[in-house]
Amino acid sequence: MSFETVYNVELECQSCVDSVKKALRDVNGLTKFDIDLKNQRVIVEGLAPPSSVVKAIQSTGRDAIIRGTGKPNSAAVSILESFNEQDRLAPVKGLARIVSTNDSKLLVDITLNGLPKGVYYPSFRKSGNISKGASSTGDLFYEFPPIKVEEASDLPNLFSGQNFASANLQIGDLIGRSMVVSSEKDSITPNSLAGVIARSAGVWENDKQVCSCSGKTVWQERQDANKQGLHI
């Protein structure tokens, strides 16, 4: 079963539309897409990882921000952060986007960026307590296949990697728990990444262009996120 995702994309003219259209045609798993120049919006449908869609749009020189995925209460996100002191200015090293395709199956799109080259092991943990980083997240809840982090990153001497996996779980099983990414298969290390799993907006549930809390546009908030390490 496919799912729909809405993106904000900086579109200025028909040439922008044409370049994004060309890039999306090469994304495996997309069944259809629509590009709305007036509202600077791209709507896609299929089983393609959101990270692949973002990467394709970014290849045209434009950024893309996910504004909603799937039906209401069917999506979640986990921002994966480093708790090492050396990373305190840019702690975000990964992002997991989670969407339910039916009552018993999830698709999990995990992207890592800004890490040393190697193999990393993602998992859901029973607890959402990240007060001590990954070490306080509790026992294993669900284990995913390893991710090879070996592609050149946009950060010097560091690398990126991605994995798109499924799990026989429900969104409600995960909210309030955490995701951890470790460099060791069967243990959590001091440099492990961790993030709480929180609900994210479904399609058309988040159409605001200006945040009511900060007064910033979605693009200004994107710039703030990039400064923290969220380049994905």
C-alpha atoms as a PDB file:
ATOM      1  CA  MET A   1       0.000   0.000   0.000  1.00  0.00           C
ATOM      2  CA  SER A   2       1.420   3.395  -1.000  1.00  0.00           C
ATOM      3  CA  PHE A   3       1.401   6.620   1.005  1.00  0.00           C
ATOM      4  CA  GLU A   4       1.229  10.306   0.141  1.00  0.00           C
ATOM      5  CA  THR A   5       3.741  12.952   1.223  1.00  0.00           C
ATOM      6  CA  VAL A   6       3.604  16.732   0.880  1.00  0.00           C
ATOM      7  CA  TYR A   7       6.744  18.870   0.551  1.00  0.00           C
ATOM      8  CA  ASN A   8       7.350  22.597   0.476  1.00  0.00           C
ATOM      9  CA  VAL A   9       9.817  23.396  -2.305  1.00  0.00           C
ATOM     10  CA  GLU A  10      11.216  26.779  -3.319  1.00  0.00           C
ATOM     11  CA  LEU A  11       9.727  27.145  -6.804  1.00  0.00           C
ATOM     12  CA  GLU A  12      10.003  30.456  -8.666  1.00  0.00           C
ATOM     13  CA  CYS A  13       9.079  29.712 -12.284  1.00  0.00           C
ATOM     14  CA  GLN A  14       8.129  27.027 -14.790  1.00  0.00           C
ATOM     15  CA  SER A  15      11.800  26.199 -15.278  1.00  0.00           C
ATOM     16  CA  CYS A  16      11.945  25.232 -11.581  1.00  0.00           C
ATOM     17  CA  VAL A  17       8.913  23.009 -12.046  1.00  0.00           C
ATOM     18  CA  ASP A  18      10.452  21.328 -15.092  1.00  0.00           C
ATOM     19  CA  SER A  19      13.749  20.582 -13.324  1.00  0.00           C
ATOM     20  CA  VAL A  20      12.010  19.110 -10.265  1.00  0.00           C
ATOM     21  CA  LYS A  21       9.719  17.070 -12.507  1.00  0.00           C
ATOM     22  CA  LYS A  22      12.730  15.635 -14.343  1.00  0.00           C
ATOM     23  CA  ALA A  23      14.466  14.735 -11.062  1.00  0.00           C
ATOM     24  CA  LEU A  24      11.388  13.009  -9.608  1.00  0.00           C
ATOM     25  CA  ARG A  25      10.969  10.835 -12.702  1.00  0.00           C
ATOM     26  CA  ASP A  26      14.183   9.047 -11.707  1.00  0.00           C
ATOM     27  CA  VAL A  27      13.039   8.204  -8.151  1.00  0.00           C
ATOM     28  CA  ASN A  28      12.229   4.513  -7.824  1.00  0.00           C
ATOM     29  CA  GLY A  29       8.963   3.748  -6.043  1.00  0.00           C
ATOM     30  CA  LEU A  30       7.013   6.871  -6.976  1.00  0.00           C
ATOM     31  CA  THR A  31       3.698   6.118  -8.666  1.00  0.00           C
ATOM     32  CA  LYS A  32       2.656   9.723  -9.232  1.00  0.00           C
ATOM     33  CA  PHE A  33       3.490  13.300  -8.282  1.00  0.00           C
ATOM     34  CA  ASP A  34       2.039  16.775  -8.646  1.00  0.00           C
ATOM     35  CA  ILE A  35       3.955  20.073  -8.602  1.00  0.00           C
ATOM     36  CA  ASP A  36       2.095  23.206  -7.495  1.00  0.00           C
ATOM     37  CA  LEU A  37       4.076  26.300  -8.530  1.00  0.00           C
ATOM     38  CA  LYS A  38       1.684  28.822  -6.970  1.00  0.00           C
ATOM     39  CA  ASN A  39       1.798  27.276  -3.509  1.00  0.00           C
ATOM     40  CA  GLN A  40       5.429  26.036  -3.776  1.00  0.00           C
ATOM     41  CA  ARG A  41       4.299  22.518  -3.039  1.00  0.00           C
ATOM     42  CA  VAL A  42       5.142  19.032  -4.308  1.00  0.00           C
ATOM     43  CA  ILE A  43       2.832  16.102  -3.572  1.00  0.00           C
ATOM     44  CA  VAL A  44       4.087  12.573  -4.226  1.00  0.00           C
ATOM     45  CA  GLU A  45       2.559   9.128  -3.870  1.00  0.00           C
ATOM     46  CA  GLY A  46       4.147   5.686  -3.806  1.00  0.00           C
ATOM     47  CA  LEU A  47       6.586   3.687  -1.701  1.00  0.00           C
ATOM     48  CA  ALA A  48       9.727   5.748  -2.267  1.00  0.00           C
ATOM     49  CA  PRO A  49      11.713   6.716   0.849  1.00  0.00           C
ATOM     50  CA  PRO A  50      11.108  10.395   1.689  1.00  0.00           C
ATOM     51  CA  SER A  51      14.878  10.841   1.913  1.00  0.00           C
ATOM     52  CA  SER A  52      15.172   9.799  -1.754  1.00  0.00           C
ATOM     53  CA  VAL A  53      12.556  12.359  -2.757  1.00  0.00           C
ATOM     54  CA  VAL A  54      14.309  15.117  -0.781  1.00  0.00           C
ATOM     55  CA  LYS A  55      17.675  14.142  -2.270  1.00  0.00           C
ATOM     56  CA  ALA A  56      16.248  14.223  -5.804  1.00  0.00           C
ATOM     57  CA  ILE A  57      14.747  17.688  -5.281  1.00  0.00           C
ATOM     58  CA  GLN A  58      17.945  18.970  -3.668  1.00  0.00           C
ATOM     59  CA  SER A  59      19.887  17.784  -6.735  1.00  0.00           C
ATOM     60  CA  THR A  60      18.134  20.574  -8.660  1.00  0.00           C
ATOM     61  CA  GLY A  61      19.572  23.198  -6.316  1.00  0.00           C
ATOM     62  CA  ARG A  62      16.347  23.605  -4.332  1.00  0.00           C
ATOM     63  CA  ASP A  63      15.577  22.510  -0.804  1.00  0.00           C
ATOM     64  CA  ALA A  64      12.542  20.473   0.241  1.00  0.00           C
ATOM     65  CA  ILE A  65      10.743  20.344   3.584  1.00  0.00           C
ATOM     66  CA  ILE A  66       8.324  17.544   4.444  1.00  0.00           C
ATOM     67  CA  ARG A  67       5.023  19.020   5.626  1.00  0.00           C
ATOM     68  CA  GLY A  68       2.985  15.846   6.062  1.00  0.00           C
ATOM     69  CA  THR A  69       3.131  12.102   5.473  1.00  0.00           C
ATOM     70  CA  GLY A  70       0.323   9.565   5.272  1.00  0.00           C
ATOM     71  CA  LYS A  71      -3.043   9.708   6.967  1.00  0.00           C
ATOM     72  CA  PRO A  72      -3.687  11.473  10.315  1.00  0.00           C
ATOM     73  CA  ASN A  73      -1.944   9.704  13.227  1.00  0.00           C
ATOM     74  CA  SER A  74      -0.029   7.446  10.852  1.00  0.00           C
ATOM     75  CA  ALA A  75       3.397   9.115  10.882  1.00  0.00           C
ATOM     76  CA  ALA A  76       6.202   9.713  13.369  1.00  0.00           C
ATOM     77  CA  VAL A  77       9.724  11.073  13.452  1.00  0.00           C
ATOM     78  CA  SER A  78      12.859  10.674  15.538  1.00  0.00           C
ATOM     79  CA  ILE A  79      15.687  13.229  15.388  1.00  0.00           C
ATOM     80  CA  LEU A  80      18.888  11.330  16.155  1.00  0.00           C
ATOM     81  CA  GLU A  81      21.388  13.323  18.173  1.00  0.00           C
ATOM     82  CA  SER A  82      24.887  12.861  19.471  1.00  0.00           C
ATOM     83  CA  PHE A  83      25.376  13.482  23.178  1.00  0.00           C
ATOM     84  CA  ASN A  84      29.143  13.923  22.925  1.00  0.00           C
ATOM     85  CA  GLU A  85      30.445  17.269  24.116  1.00  0.00           C
ATOM     86  CA  GLN A  86      32.386  17.731  20.876  1.00  0.00           C
ATOM     87  CA  ASP A  87      29.106  17.707  18.927  1.00  0.00           C
ATOM     88  CA  ARG A  88      27.166  20.104  21.157  1.00  0.00           C
ATOM     89  CA  LEU A  89      27.035  22.889  18.518  1.00  0.00           C
ATOM     90  CA  ALA A  90      25.721  20.560  15.810  1.00  0.00           C
ATOM     91  CA  PRO A  91      24.318  17.502  17.613  1.00  0.00           C
ATOM     92  CA  VAL A  92      21.932  16.181  14.957  1.00  0.00           C
ATOM     93  CA  LYS A  93      23.460  13.267  13.054  1.00  0.00           C
ATOM     94  CA  GLY A  94      20.399  11.480  11.736  1.00  0.00           C
ATOM     95  CA  LEU A  95      16.693  11.400  11.160  1.00  0.00           C
ATOM     96  CA  ALA A  96      14.160   8.565  11.098  1.00  0.00           C
ATOM     97  CA  ARG A  97      10.878   9.156   9.274  1.00  0.00           C
ATOM     98  CA  ILE A  98       8.219   6.563  10.092  1.00  0.00           C
ATOM     99  CA  VAL A  99       4.928   6.028   8.256  1.00  0.00           C
ATOM    100  CA  SER A 100       2.234   3.389   8.629  1.00  0.00           C
ATOM    101  CA  THR A 101       0.957   1.766   5.418  1.00  0.00           C
ATOM    102  CA  ASN A 102      -1.701  -0.338   7.172  1.00  0.00           C
ATOM    103  CA  ASP A 103      -2.713  -1.396  10.684  1.00  0.00           C
ATOM    104  CA  SER A 104       0.218  -3.775  11.115  1.00  0.00           C
ATOM    105  CA  LYS A 105       3.099  -2.471   8.986  1.00  0.00           C
ATOM    106  CA  LEU A 106       5.445   0.511   9.173  1.00  0.00           C
ATOM    107  CA  LEU A 107       8.032   1.836   6.767  1.00  0.00           C
ATOM    108  CA  VAL A 108      11.074   3.418   8.412  1.00  0.00           C
ATOM    109  CA  ASP A 109      13.340   5.745   6.437  1.00  0.00           C
ATOM    110  CA  ILE A 110      16.609   6.251   8.340  1.00  0.00           C
ATOM    111  CA  THR A 111      19.199   8.763   7.148  1.00  0.00           C
ATOM    112  CA  LEU A 112      22.551   9.311   8.875  1.00  0.00           C
ATOM    113  CA  ASN A 113      24.936  12.146   8.108  1.00  0.00           C
ATOM    114  CA  GLY A 114      28.173  13.541   9.503  1.00  0.00           C
ATOM    115  CA  LEU A 115      29.561  10.306  10.975  1.00  0.00           C
ATOM    116  CA  PRO A 116      32.861   8.429  10.666  1.00  0.00           C
ATOM    117  CA  LYS A 117      32.820   5.764   7.961  1.00  0.00           C
ATOM    118  CA  GLY A 118      31.568   2.412   9.249  1.00  0.00           C
ATOM    119  CA  VAL A 119      28.581   0.168   9.898  1.00  0.00           C
ATOM    120  CA  TYR A 120      25.869   1.371  12.294  1.00  0.00           C
ATOM    121  CA  TYR A 121      23.053  -0.530  14.006  1.00  0.00           C
ATOM    122  CA  PRO A 122      19.648   1.170  14.470  1.00  0.00           C
ATOM    123  CA  SER A 123      16.983  -0.034  16.890  1.00  0.00           C
ATOM    124  CA  PHE A 124      13.840   1.018  18.692  1.00  0.00           C
ATOM    125  CA  ARG A 125      14.233   1.010  22.485  1.00  0.00           C
ATOM    126  CA  LYS A 126      11.601   0.438  25.148  1.00  0.00           C
ATOM    127  CA  SER A 127      12.102   3.772  26.908  1.00  0.00           C
ATOM    128  CA  GLY A 128      12.054   7.344  25.675  1.00  0.00           C
ATOM    129  CA  ASN A 129      14.349   8.521  28.454  1.00  0.00           C
ATOM    130  CA  ILE A 130      17.311  10.213  26.754  1.00  0.00           C
ATOM    131  CA  SER A 131      18.441  12.154  29.839  1.00  0.00           C
ATOM    132  CA  LYS A 132      21.738  10.251  29.652  1.00  0.00           C
ATOM    133  CA  GLY A 133      21.747   9.869  25.916  1.00  0.00           C
ATOM    134  CA  ALA A 134      21.359   6.391  24.440  1.00  0.00           C
ATOM    135  CA  SER A 135      22.465   4.718  27.682  1.00  0.00           C
ATOM    136  CA  SER A 136      19.163   5.572  29.420  1.00  0.00           C
ATOM    137  CA  THR A 137      16.816   4.344  26.671  1.00  0.00           C
ATOM    138  CA  GLY A 138      16.274   0.884  28.114  1.00  0.00           C
ATOM    139  CA  ASP A 139      16.107  -2.548  26.546  1.00  0.00           C
ATOM    140  CA  LEU A 140      15.807  -3.441  22.901  1.00  0.00           C
ATOM    141  CA  PHE A 141      12.274  -3.159  21.461  1.00  0.00           C
ATOM    142  CA  TYR A 142      12.920  -3.756  17.744  1.00  0.00           C
ATOM    143  CA  GLU A 143      16.126  -4.226  15.750  1.00  0.00           C
ATOM    144  CA  PHE A 144      16.780  -3.070  12.181  1.00  0.00           C
ATOM    145  CA  PRO A 145      19.312  -4.150   9.554  1.00  0.00           C
ATOM    146  CA  PRO A 146      22.664  -2.345   9.752  1.00  0.00           C
ATOM    147  CA  ILE A 147      23.387   0.803   7.770  1.00  0.00           C
ATOM    148  CA  LYS A 148      26.631   1.277   5.861  1.00  0.00           C
ATOM    149  CA  VAL A 149      27.817   4.850   6.295  1.00  0.00           C
ATOM    150  CA  GLU A 150      30.270   5.268   3.444  1.00  0.00           C
ATOM    151  CA  GLU A 151      28.957   7.956   1.079  1.00  0.00           C
ATOM    152  CA  ALA A 152      30.770  11.274   1.043  1.00  0.00           C
ATOM    153  CA  SER A 153      29.007  13.758   3.316  1.00  0.00           C
ATOM    154  CA  ASP A 154      28.510  17.491   2.892  1.00  0.00           C
ATOM    155  CA  LEU A 155      30.702  17.745   6.008  1.00  0.00           C
ATOM    156  CA  PRO A 156      34.505  17.413   5.662  1.00  0.00           C
ATOM    157  CA  ASN A 157      36.007  13.964   6.369  1.00  0.00           C
ATOM    158  CA  LEU A 158      32.646  12.565   7.437  1.00  0.00           C
ATOM    159  CA  PHE A 159      30.139  10.256   5.739  1.00  0.00           C
ATOM    160  CA  SER A 160      26.453   9.510   5.276  1.00  0.00           C
ATOM    161  CA  GLY A 161      24.221   6.461   4.791  1.00  0.00           C
ATOM    162  CA  GLN A 162      20.571   5.507   4.436  1.00  0.00           C
ATOM    163  CA  ASN A 163      18.279   2.542   5.010  1.00  0.00           C
ATOM    164  CA  PHE A 164      14.605   1.984   4.168  1.00  0.00           C
ATOM    165  CA  ALA A 165      13.114  -0.875   6.179  1.00  0.00           C
ATOM    166  CA  SER A 166       9.754  -2.250   7.244  1.00  0.00           C
ATOM    167  CA  ALA A 167       8.509  -3.387  10.634  1.00  0.00           C
ATOM    168  CA  ASN A 168       5.389  -5.244  11.738  1.00  0.00           C
ATOM    169  CA  LEU A 169       4.403  -2.597  14.268  1.00  0.00           C
ATOM    170  CA  GLN A 170       1.867   0.185  14.728  1.00  0.00           C
ATOM    171  CA  ILE A 171       2.583   3.877  15.239  1.00  0.00           C
ATOM    172  CA  GLY A 172       0.915   3.678  18.642  1.00  0.00           C
ATOM    173  CA  ASP A 173       3.499   1.063  19.687  1.00  0.00           C
ATOM    174  CA  LEU A 174       6.282   3.598  19.236  1.00  0.00           C
ATOM    175  CA  ILE A 175       5.208   7.059  20.384  1.00  0.00           C
ATOM    176  CA  GLY A 176       7.205   8.052  23.461  1.00  0.00           C
ATOM    177  CA  ARG A 177       9.822   5.353  22.962  1.00  0.00           C
ATOM    178  CA  SER A 178      13.187   6.103  21.377  1.00  0.00           C
ATOM    179  CA  MET A 179      15.428   5.147  18.501  1.00  0.00           C
ATOM    180  CA  VAL A 180      19.131   4.496  18.966  1.00  0.00           C
ATOM    181  CA  VAL A 181      21.926   4.086  16.434  1.00  0.00           C
ATOM    182  CA  SER A 182      25.070   2.381  17.726  1.00  0.00           C
ATOM    183  CA  SER A 183      28.434   1.592  16.180  1.00  0.00           C
ATOM    184  CA  GLU A 184      28.321  -1.790  17.978  1.00  0.00           C
ATOM    185  CA  LYS A 185      25.810  -4.503  17.057  1.00  0.00           C
ATOM    186  CA  ASP A 186      24.832  -5.738  20.500  1.00  0.00           C
ATOM    187  CA  SER A 187      25.623  -2.827  22.771  1.00  0.00           C
ATOM    188  CA  ILE A 188      25.150   0.884  23.249  1.00  0.00           C
ATOM    189  CA  THR A 189      28.356   2.896  23.123  1.00  0.00           C
ATOM    190  CA  PRO A 190      29.145   6.402  24.443  1.00  0.00           C
ATOM    191  CA  ASN A 191      28.949   7.763  20.888  1.00  0.00           C
ATOM    192  CA  SER A 192      25.556   6.201  20.106  1.00  0.00           C
ATOM    193  CA  LEU A 193      22.867   8.477  18.683  1.00  0.00           C
ATOM    194  CA  ALA A 194      19.435   8.692  20.290  1.00  0.00           C
ATOM    195  CA  GLY A 195      16.119  10.437  19.774  1.00  0.00           C
ATOM    196  CA  VAL A 196      12.588  10.258  21.149  1.00  0.00           C
ATOM    197  CA  ILE A 197       9.899   9.055  18.729  1.00  0.00           C
ATOM    198  CA  ALA A 198       7.142  11.653  18.328  1.00  0.00           C
ATOM    199  CA  ARG A 199       4.076  11.945  16.137  1.00  0.00           C
ATOM    200  CA  SER A 200       4.451  13.994  12.967  1.00  0.00           C
ATOM    201  CA  ALA A 201       1.819  15.623  10.799  1.00  0.00           C
ATOM    202  CA  GLY A 202      -0.218  13.687   8.298  1.00  0.00           C
ATOM    203  CA  VAL A 203      -0.867  15.013   4.800  1.00  0.00           C
ATOM    204  CA  TRP A 204      -2.581  18.442   4.898  1.00  0.00           C
ATOM    205  CA  GLU A 205      -2.398  18.638   8.715  1.00  0.00           C
ATOM    206  CA  ASN A 206       0.447  21.171   8.702  1.00  0.00           C
ATOM    207  CA  ASP A 207       0.065  23.836   6.030  1.00  0.00           C
ATOM    208  CA  LYS A 208       1.436  26.797   8.025  1.00  0.00           C
ATOM    209  CA  GLN A 209       4.115  28.899   6.344  1.00  0.00           C
ATOM    210  CA  VAL A 210       4.944  30.870   9.501  1.00  0.00           C
ATOM    211  CA  CYS A 211       5.381  29.296  12.937  1.00  0.00           C
ATOM    212  CA  SER A 212       3.045  30.876  15.483  1.00  0.00           C
ATOM    213  CA  CYS A 213       5.585  30.251  18.274  1.00  0.00           C
ATOM    214  CA  SER A 214       8.755  31.690  16.719  1.00  0.00           C
ATOM    215  CA  GLY A 215       7.309  33.925  13.994  1.00  0.00           C
ATOM    216  CA  LYS A 216       9.804  32.377  11.571  1.00  0.00           C
ATOM    217  CA  THR A 217       8.988  31.053   8.113  1.00  0.00           C
ATOM    218  CA  VAL A 218       9.449  27.369   7.351  1.00  0.00           C
ATOM    219  CA  TRP A 219      12.636  28.236   5.462  1.00  0.00           C
ATOM    220  CA  GLN A 220      14.082  30.217   8.374  1.00  0.00           C
ATOM    221  CA  GLU A 221      13.389  27.264  10.652  1.00  0.00           C
ATOM    222  CA  ARG A 222      15.081  25.020   8.094  1.00  0.00           C
ATOM    223  CA  GLN A 223      18.198  27.191   8.278  1.00  0.00           C
ATOM    224  CA  ASP A 224      18.182  26.923  12.074  1.00  0.00           C
ATOM    225  CA  ALA A 225      17.921  23.128  11.806  1.00  0.00           C
ATOM    226  CA  ASN A 226      20.843  23.020   9.377  1.00  0.00           C
ATOM    227  CA  LYS A 227      23.002  24.877  11.878  1.00  0.00           C
ATOM    228  CA  GLN A 228      22.293  22.127  14.419  1.00  0.00           C
ATOM    229  CA  GLY A 229      23.441  19.484  11.944  1.00  0.00           C
ATOM    230  CA  LEU A 230      20.133  18.551  10.310  1.00  0.00           C
ATOM    231  CA  HIS A 231      21.233  18.572   6.656  1.00  0.00           C
ATOM    232  CA  ILE A 232      18.820  15.803   5.624  1.00  0.00           C
END
